[in-house]
N, C-alpha and C. Protein backbone atom coordinates (compact mmCIF):
# COMPACT_ATOMS: atom_id res chain seq x y z
N UNK A 1 -7.33 -26.64 -5.72
CA UNK A 1 -6.40 -25.62 -5.28
C UNK A 1 -6.76 -25.25 -3.84
N UNK A 2 -5.73 -24.99 -3.04
CA UNK A 2 -5.92 -24.54 -1.67
C UNK A 2 -5.61 -23.06 -1.54
N UNK A 3 -6.30 -22.43 -0.61
CA UNK A 3 -6.09 -21.01 -0.33
C UNK A 3 -4.65 -20.81 0.17
N UNK A 4 -3.97 -19.80 -0.36
CA UNK A 4 -2.59 -19.56 0.08
C UNK A 4 -2.48 -18.99 1.49
N UNK A 5 -3.60 -18.60 2.09
CA UNK A 5 -3.56 -18.02 3.43
C UNK A 5 -4.11 -18.97 4.49
N UNK A 6 -5.32 -19.51 4.30
CA UNK A 6 -5.92 -20.35 5.35
C UNK A 6 -5.95 -21.82 4.95
N UNK A 7 -5.56 -22.14 3.72
CA UNK A 7 -5.50 -23.50 3.18
C UNK A 7 -6.87 -24.15 2.99
N UNK A 8 -7.92 -23.32 2.96
CA UNK A 8 -9.26 -23.82 2.64
C UNK A 8 -9.35 -24.14 1.16
N UNK A 9 -10.43 -24.79 0.77
CA UNK A 9 -10.65 -25.12 -0.64
C UNK A 9 -11.06 -23.87 -1.41
N UNK A 10 -10.53 -23.76 -2.62
CA UNK A 10 -10.86 -22.64 -3.49
C UNK A 10 -11.84 -23.12 -4.56
N UNK A 11 -12.86 -22.30 -4.84
CA UNK A 11 -13.85 -22.61 -5.87
C UNK A 11 -13.86 -21.51 -6.92
N UNK A 12 -13.94 -21.91 -8.19
CA UNK A 12 -13.97 -20.93 -9.28
C UNK A 12 -15.27 -20.12 -9.20
N UNK A 13 -15.14 -18.79 -9.27
CA UNK A 13 -16.31 -17.91 -9.24
C UNK A 13 -16.43 -17.07 -10.51
N UNK A 14 -15.38 -17.05 -11.33
CA UNK A 14 -15.42 -16.26 -12.56
C UNK A 14 -14.35 -16.75 -13.52
N UNK A 15 -14.63 -16.57 -14.81
CA UNK A 15 -13.66 -16.88 -15.85
C UNK A 15 -13.55 -15.73 -16.84
N UNK A 16 -14.19 -14.61 -16.53
CA UNK A 16 -14.23 -13.51 -17.47
C UNK A 16 -13.94 -12.20 -16.75
N UNK A 17 -12.91 -11.48 -17.07
CA UNK A 17 -11.94 -11.68 -18.13
C UNK A 17 -10.77 -12.58 -17.72
N UNK A 18 -10.74 -13.03 -16.47
CA UNK A 18 -9.67 -13.87 -15.97
C UNK A 18 -10.27 -14.82 -14.93
N UNK A 19 -9.63 -15.96 -14.75
CA UNK A 19 -10.13 -16.91 -13.75
C UNK A 19 -9.92 -16.34 -12.34
N UNK A 20 -11.00 -16.42 -11.56
CA UNK A 20 -10.96 -15.99 -10.16
C UNK A 20 -11.51 -17.12 -9.32
N UNK A 21 -10.79 -17.46 -8.26
CA UNK A 21 -11.23 -18.47 -7.30
C UNK A 21 -11.43 -17.79 -5.95
N UNK A 22 -12.45 -18.28 -5.21
CA UNK A 22 -12.73 -17.74 -3.88
C UNK A 22 -12.59 -18.86 -2.85
N UNK A 23 -11.97 -18.54 -1.73
CA UNK A 23 -11.78 -19.51 -0.66
C UNK A 23 -13.10 -19.75 0.06
N UNK A 24 -13.40 -21.01 0.31
CA UNK A 24 -14.64 -21.35 1.00
C UNK A 24 -14.57 -21.05 2.50
N UNK A 25 -13.37 -20.80 3.02
CA UNK A 25 -13.20 -20.53 4.45
C UNK A 25 -13.05 -19.03 4.74
N UNK A 26 -11.98 -18.41 4.23
CA UNK A 26 -11.71 -17.00 4.53
C UNK A 26 -12.31 -16.05 3.50
N UNK A 27 -12.80 -16.58 2.37
CA UNK A 27 -13.44 -15.83 1.29
C UNK A 27 -12.49 -14.87 0.56
N UNK A 28 -11.19 -15.12 0.68
CA UNK A 28 -10.22 -14.36 -0.10
C UNK A 28 -10.35 -14.70 -1.57
N UNK A 29 -9.88 -13.81 -2.44
CA UNK A 29 -9.97 -13.99 -3.89
C UNK A 29 -8.60 -14.19 -4.49
N UNK A 30 -8.48 -15.23 -5.31
CA UNK A 30 -7.24 -15.51 -6.03
C UNK A 30 -7.50 -15.26 -7.51
N UNK A 31 -6.75 -14.32 -8.08
CA UNK A 31 -6.83 -14.00 -9.51
C UNK A 31 -5.69 -14.71 -10.20
N UNK A 32 -6.01 -15.55 -11.20
CA UNK A 32 -4.99 -16.29 -11.92
C UNK A 32 -3.95 -15.35 -12.51
N UNK A 33 -4.37 -14.18 -12.89
CA UNK A 33 -3.48 -13.12 -13.35
C UNK A 33 -4.20 -11.81 -13.14
N UNK A 34 -3.50 -10.79 -12.70
CA UNK A 34 -4.14 -9.48 -12.55
C UNK A 34 -3.12 -8.41 -12.88
N UNK A 35 -3.47 -7.59 -13.84
CA UNK A 35 -2.65 -6.43 -14.19
C UNK A 35 -3.61 -5.27 -14.46
N UNK A 36 -3.08 -4.15 -14.84
CA UNK A 36 -3.92 -2.95 -15.03
C UNK A 36 -4.97 -3.14 -16.11
N UNK A 37 -4.60 -3.80 -17.19
CA UNK A 37 -5.55 -4.02 -18.29
C UNK A 37 -6.71 -4.92 -17.85
N UNK A 38 -6.41 -5.99 -17.14
CA UNK A 38 -7.46 -6.89 -16.66
C UNK A 38 -8.33 -6.17 -15.64
N UNK A 39 -7.71 -5.36 -14.79
CA UNK A 39 -8.48 -4.61 -13.80
C UNK A 39 -9.49 -3.70 -14.48
N UNK A 40 -9.09 -3.06 -15.56
CA UNK A 40 -10.01 -2.20 -16.29
C UNK A 40 -11.15 -3.01 -16.91
N UNK A 41 -10.84 -4.24 -17.36
CA UNK A 41 -11.88 -5.10 -17.93
C UNK A 41 -12.87 -5.55 -16.86
N UNK A 42 -12.41 -5.70 -15.63
CA UNK A 42 -13.29 -6.08 -14.52
C UNK A 42 -14.26 -4.94 -14.23
N UNK A 43 -13.77 -3.72 -14.36
CA UNK A 43 -14.62 -2.55 -14.14
C UNK A 43 -15.13 -2.50 -12.71
N UNK A 44 -16.40 -2.26 -12.55
CA UNK A 44 -16.98 -2.13 -11.21
C UNK A 44 -17.59 -3.44 -10.71
N UNK A 45 -17.28 -4.55 -11.37
CA UNK A 45 -17.83 -5.86 -10.99
C UNK A 45 -17.14 -6.39 -9.74
N UNK A 46 -17.71 -6.08 -8.59
CA UNK A 46 -17.11 -6.51 -7.32
C UNK A 46 -17.98 -7.51 -6.57
N UNK A 47 -19.05 -8.00 -7.20
CA UNK A 47 -19.96 -8.94 -6.53
C UNK A 47 -19.25 -10.24 -6.13
N UNK A 48 -18.18 -10.60 -6.81
CA UNK A 48 -17.47 -11.83 -6.45
C UNK A 48 -16.81 -11.71 -5.09
N UNK A 49 -16.60 -10.48 -4.63
CA UNK A 49 -16.00 -10.24 -3.31
C UNK A 49 -17.12 -10.19 -2.27
N UNK A 50 -17.61 -11.37 -1.92
CA UNK A 50 -18.77 -11.46 -1.03
C UNK A 50 -18.39 -11.72 0.42
N UNK A 51 -17.11 -11.75 0.71
CA UNK A 51 -16.64 -12.05 2.06
C UNK A 51 -16.72 -10.87 3.01
N UNK A 52 -16.68 -11.20 4.29
CA UNK A 52 -16.72 -10.21 5.36
C UNK A 52 -15.34 -9.56 5.49
N UNK A 53 -15.29 -8.22 5.37
CA UNK A 53 -14.00 -7.53 5.42
C UNK A 53 -13.32 -7.68 6.79
N UNK A 54 -14.07 -7.89 7.86
CA UNK A 54 -13.45 -8.11 9.17
C UNK A 54 -12.70 -9.44 9.19
N UNK A 55 -13.28 -10.48 8.58
CA UNK A 55 -12.59 -11.76 8.47
C UNK A 55 -11.35 -11.60 7.60
N UNK A 56 -11.48 -10.87 6.48
CA UNK A 56 -10.34 -10.62 5.61
C UNK A 56 -9.21 -9.90 6.32
N UNK A 57 -9.56 -8.97 7.20
CA UNK A 57 -8.55 -8.21 7.95
C UNK A 57 -7.73 -9.11 8.87
N UNK A 58 -8.31 -10.21 9.33
CA UNK A 58 -7.58 -11.14 10.19
C UNK A 58 -6.40 -11.78 9.46
N UNK A 59 -6.51 -11.91 8.14
CA UNK A 59 -5.45 -12.54 7.34
C UNK A 59 -4.54 -11.52 6.68
N UNK A 60 -4.83 -10.26 6.81
CA UNK A 60 -4.11 -9.22 6.09
C UNK A 60 -2.64 -9.10 6.50
N UNK A 61 -2.31 -9.45 7.71
CA UNK A 61 -0.95 -9.28 8.20
C UNK A 61 -0.01 -10.44 7.86
N UNK A 62 -0.53 -11.50 7.21
CA UNK A 62 0.34 -12.61 6.83
C UNK A 62 1.39 -12.12 5.85
N UNK A 63 2.65 -12.44 6.14
CA UNK A 63 3.75 -11.96 5.31
C UNK A 63 4.22 -13.02 4.33
N UNK A 64 4.30 -14.26 4.76
CA UNK A 64 4.83 -15.33 3.92
C UNK A 64 3.67 -16.11 3.30
N UNK A 65 3.39 -15.80 2.04
CA UNK A 65 2.28 -16.41 1.32
C UNK A 65 2.84 -16.99 0.03
N UNK A 66 2.65 -18.30 -0.16
CA UNK A 66 3.14 -18.96 -1.37
C UNK A 66 2.08 -18.91 -2.47
N UNK A 67 2.52 -18.67 -3.69
CA UNK A 67 1.63 -18.64 -4.84
C UNK A 67 1.10 -20.05 -5.11
N UNK A 68 -0.22 -20.21 -5.18
CA UNK A 68 -0.76 -21.54 -5.45
C UNK A 68 -0.51 -22.01 -6.88
N UNK A 69 -0.16 -21.09 -7.77
CA UNK A 69 0.06 -21.44 -9.17
C UNK A 69 1.50 -21.91 -9.42
N UNK A 70 2.49 -21.21 -8.86
CA UNK A 70 3.89 -21.56 -9.17
C UNK A 70 4.74 -21.83 -7.94
N UNK A 71 4.13 -21.82 -6.75
CA UNK A 71 4.80 -22.14 -5.48
C UNK A 71 5.91 -21.18 -5.08
N UNK A 72 6.01 -20.04 -5.70
CA UNK A 72 6.99 -19.03 -5.27
C UNK A 72 6.34 -18.13 -4.22
N UNK A 73 7.16 -17.50 -3.41
CA UNK A 73 6.62 -16.60 -2.41
C UNK A 73 6.06 -15.36 -3.11
N UNK A 74 4.86 -15.00 -2.74
CA UNK A 74 4.22 -13.82 -3.31
C UNK A 74 4.79 -12.57 -2.65
N UNK A 75 4.88 -11.51 -3.43
CA UNK A 75 5.38 -10.23 -2.98
C UNK A 75 4.26 -9.45 -2.30
N UNK A 76 4.58 -8.79 -1.22
CA UNK A 76 3.61 -7.90 -0.57
C UNK A 76 3.63 -6.57 -1.32
N UNK A 77 2.51 -6.17 -1.86
CA UNK A 77 2.38 -4.86 -2.48
C UNK A 77 1.73 -3.97 -1.44
N UNK A 78 2.38 -2.86 -1.13
CA UNK A 78 1.95 -2.04 -0.02
C UNK A 78 2.19 -0.57 -0.30
N UNK A 79 1.21 0.24 0.07
CA UNK A 79 1.38 1.68 0.05
C UNK A 79 0.51 2.28 1.14
N UNK A 80 0.95 3.38 1.67
CA UNK A 80 0.16 4.13 2.63
C UNK A 80 -0.11 5.55 2.14
N UNK A 81 0.24 5.80 0.88
CA UNK A 81 0.11 7.15 0.35
C UNK A 81 -0.66 7.12 -0.96
N UNK A 82 -1.80 7.66 -1.07
CA UNK A 82 -2.51 8.46 -0.07
C UNK A 82 -3.39 7.61 0.87
N UNK A 83 -3.63 6.32 0.52
CA UNK A 83 -4.44 5.45 1.35
C UNK A 83 -3.70 4.13 1.58
N UNK A 84 -4.11 3.37 2.60
CA UNK A 84 -3.46 2.10 2.92
C UNK A 84 -3.98 0.99 2.01
N UNK A 85 -3.07 0.39 1.25
CA UNK A 85 -3.39 -0.74 0.37
C UNK A 85 -2.32 -1.80 0.62
N UNK A 86 -2.77 -3.06 0.77
CA UNK A 86 -1.84 -4.16 0.99
C UNK A 86 -2.46 -5.44 0.42
N UNK A 87 -1.72 -6.09 -0.50
CA UNK A 87 -2.18 -7.35 -1.07
C UNK A 87 -0.97 -8.14 -1.56
N UNK A 88 -1.19 -9.38 -2.00
CA UNK A 88 -0.11 -10.25 -2.44
C UNK A 88 -0.15 -10.40 -3.95
N UNK A 89 1.03 -10.29 -4.58
CA UNK A 89 1.18 -10.43 -6.02
C UNK A 89 2.39 -11.31 -6.29
N UNK A 90 2.21 -12.31 -7.15
CA UNK A 90 3.34 -13.15 -7.56
C UNK A 90 4.06 -12.43 -8.69
N UNK A 91 5.32 -12.09 -8.48
CA UNK A 91 6.07 -11.37 -9.50
C UNK A 91 6.48 -12.29 -10.65
N UNK A 92 6.33 -13.59 -10.47
CA UNK A 92 6.66 -14.55 -11.51
C UNK A 92 5.51 -14.73 -12.52
N UNK A 93 4.31 -15.00 -12.00
CA UNK A 93 3.18 -15.30 -12.89
C UNK A 93 2.07 -14.26 -12.85
N UNK A 94 2.21 -13.21 -12.03
CA UNK A 94 1.25 -12.11 -11.88
C UNK A 94 -0.09 -12.54 -11.30
N UNK A 95 -0.12 -13.70 -10.63
CA UNK A 95 -1.35 -14.03 -9.91
C UNK A 95 -1.42 -13.15 -8.67
N UNK A 96 -2.63 -12.94 -8.18
CA UNK A 96 -2.85 -11.98 -7.10
C UNK A 96 -3.83 -12.55 -6.10
N UNK A 97 -3.59 -12.28 -4.82
CA UNK A 97 -4.53 -12.69 -3.78
C UNK A 97 -4.99 -11.46 -3.02
N UNK A 98 -6.30 -11.32 -2.91
CA UNK A 98 -6.91 -10.22 -2.16
C UNK A 98 -7.74 -10.82 -1.02
N UNK A 99 -7.54 -10.33 0.19
CA UNK A 99 -8.35 -10.78 1.31
C UNK A 99 -9.79 -10.35 1.12
N UNK A 100 -10.71 -11.02 1.82
CA UNK A 100 -12.13 -10.69 1.72
C UNK A 100 -12.35 -9.20 1.98
N UNK A 101 -13.10 -8.57 1.10
CA UNK A 101 -13.43 -7.16 1.23
C UNK A 101 -12.48 -6.22 0.52
N UNK A 102 -11.29 -6.70 0.18
CA UNK A 102 -10.30 -5.79 -0.42
C UNK A 102 -10.67 -5.38 -1.84
N UNK A 103 -11.22 -6.28 -2.64
CA UNK A 103 -11.58 -5.89 -4.01
C UNK A 103 -12.61 -4.77 -3.98
N UNK A 104 -13.63 -4.90 -3.16
CA UNK A 104 -14.65 -3.85 -3.05
C UNK A 104 -14.01 -2.53 -2.61
N UNK A 105 -13.11 -2.61 -1.64
CA UNK A 105 -12.47 -1.41 -1.13
C UNK A 105 -11.56 -0.78 -2.19
N UNK A 106 -10.71 -1.57 -2.82
CA UNK A 106 -9.71 -1.04 -3.75
C UNK A 106 -10.30 -0.56 -5.08
N UNK A 107 -11.51 -1.01 -5.41
CA UNK A 107 -12.15 -0.55 -6.63
C UNK A 107 -12.94 0.74 -6.41
N UNK A 108 -13.02 1.21 -5.18
CA UNK A 108 -13.75 2.45 -4.90
C UNK A 108 -12.95 3.65 -5.42
N UNK A 109 -13.63 4.75 -5.63
CA UNK A 109 -12.99 5.95 -6.18
C UNK A 109 -11.80 6.41 -5.35
N UNK A 110 -11.86 6.23 -4.05
CA UNK A 110 -10.79 6.67 -3.15
C UNK A 110 -9.50 5.86 -3.33
N UNK A 111 -9.63 4.58 -3.71
CA UNK A 111 -8.49 3.67 -3.73
C UNK A 111 -7.99 3.28 -5.12
N UNK A 112 -8.83 3.37 -6.15
CA UNK A 112 -8.54 2.75 -7.44
C UNK A 112 -7.20 3.17 -8.05
N UNK A 113 -6.85 4.42 -8.01
CA UNK A 113 -5.59 4.85 -8.65
C UNK A 113 -4.37 4.28 -7.92
N UNK A 114 -4.41 4.24 -6.60
CA UNK A 114 -3.31 3.64 -5.83
C UNK A 114 -3.20 2.15 -6.09
N UNK A 115 -4.34 1.47 -6.22
CA UNK A 115 -4.36 0.04 -6.51
C UNK A 115 -3.76 -0.24 -7.88
N UNK A 116 -4.19 0.51 -8.89
CA UNK A 116 -3.65 0.34 -10.25
C UNK A 116 -2.13 0.53 -10.26
N UNK A 117 -1.65 1.51 -9.50
CA UNK A 117 -0.22 1.81 -9.49
C UNK A 117 0.63 0.65 -8.95
N UNK A 118 0.02 -0.22 -8.15
CA UNK A 118 0.75 -1.34 -7.57
C UNK A 118 0.69 -2.61 -8.43
N UNK A 119 -0.10 -2.57 -9.50
CA UNK A 119 -0.23 -3.72 -10.39
C UNK A 119 0.73 -3.61 -11.57
N UNK A 120 1.13 -4.75 -12.14
CA UNK A 120 1.97 -4.70 -13.33
C UNK A 120 1.22 -4.11 -14.51
N UNK A 121 1.93 -3.59 -15.47
CA UNK A 121 1.34 -3.02 -16.68
C UNK A 121 1.81 -1.60 -16.88
N UNK A 122 1.39 -1.05 -17.99
CA UNK A 122 1.82 0.31 -18.35
C UNK A 122 1.11 1.36 -17.55
């Protein structure tokens, strides 16, 4: 699989509770599926997000990102209220791409509720 942003090779870093691949170049994270329930199962496990957030920020403004799983254009999920959150979610298969550093940031107490609100699920 190739990274949907920089086209680097993706390597599996986790299979529990969902498959997660990390790009060897930009260190972005691709979640095979991510919704509120899976996010809760991940809990505070953010060690897989080992990339430099400054490098991740370089790719954050990309608008046209194709889903590596189903080749459809991923939707930009975005909010600025109360904090700035921006990531890519495939509305077809619920796969998700987070730039390097975003998982650590969005799982923090300041961001978690806004992040959950942008994910599919109840």
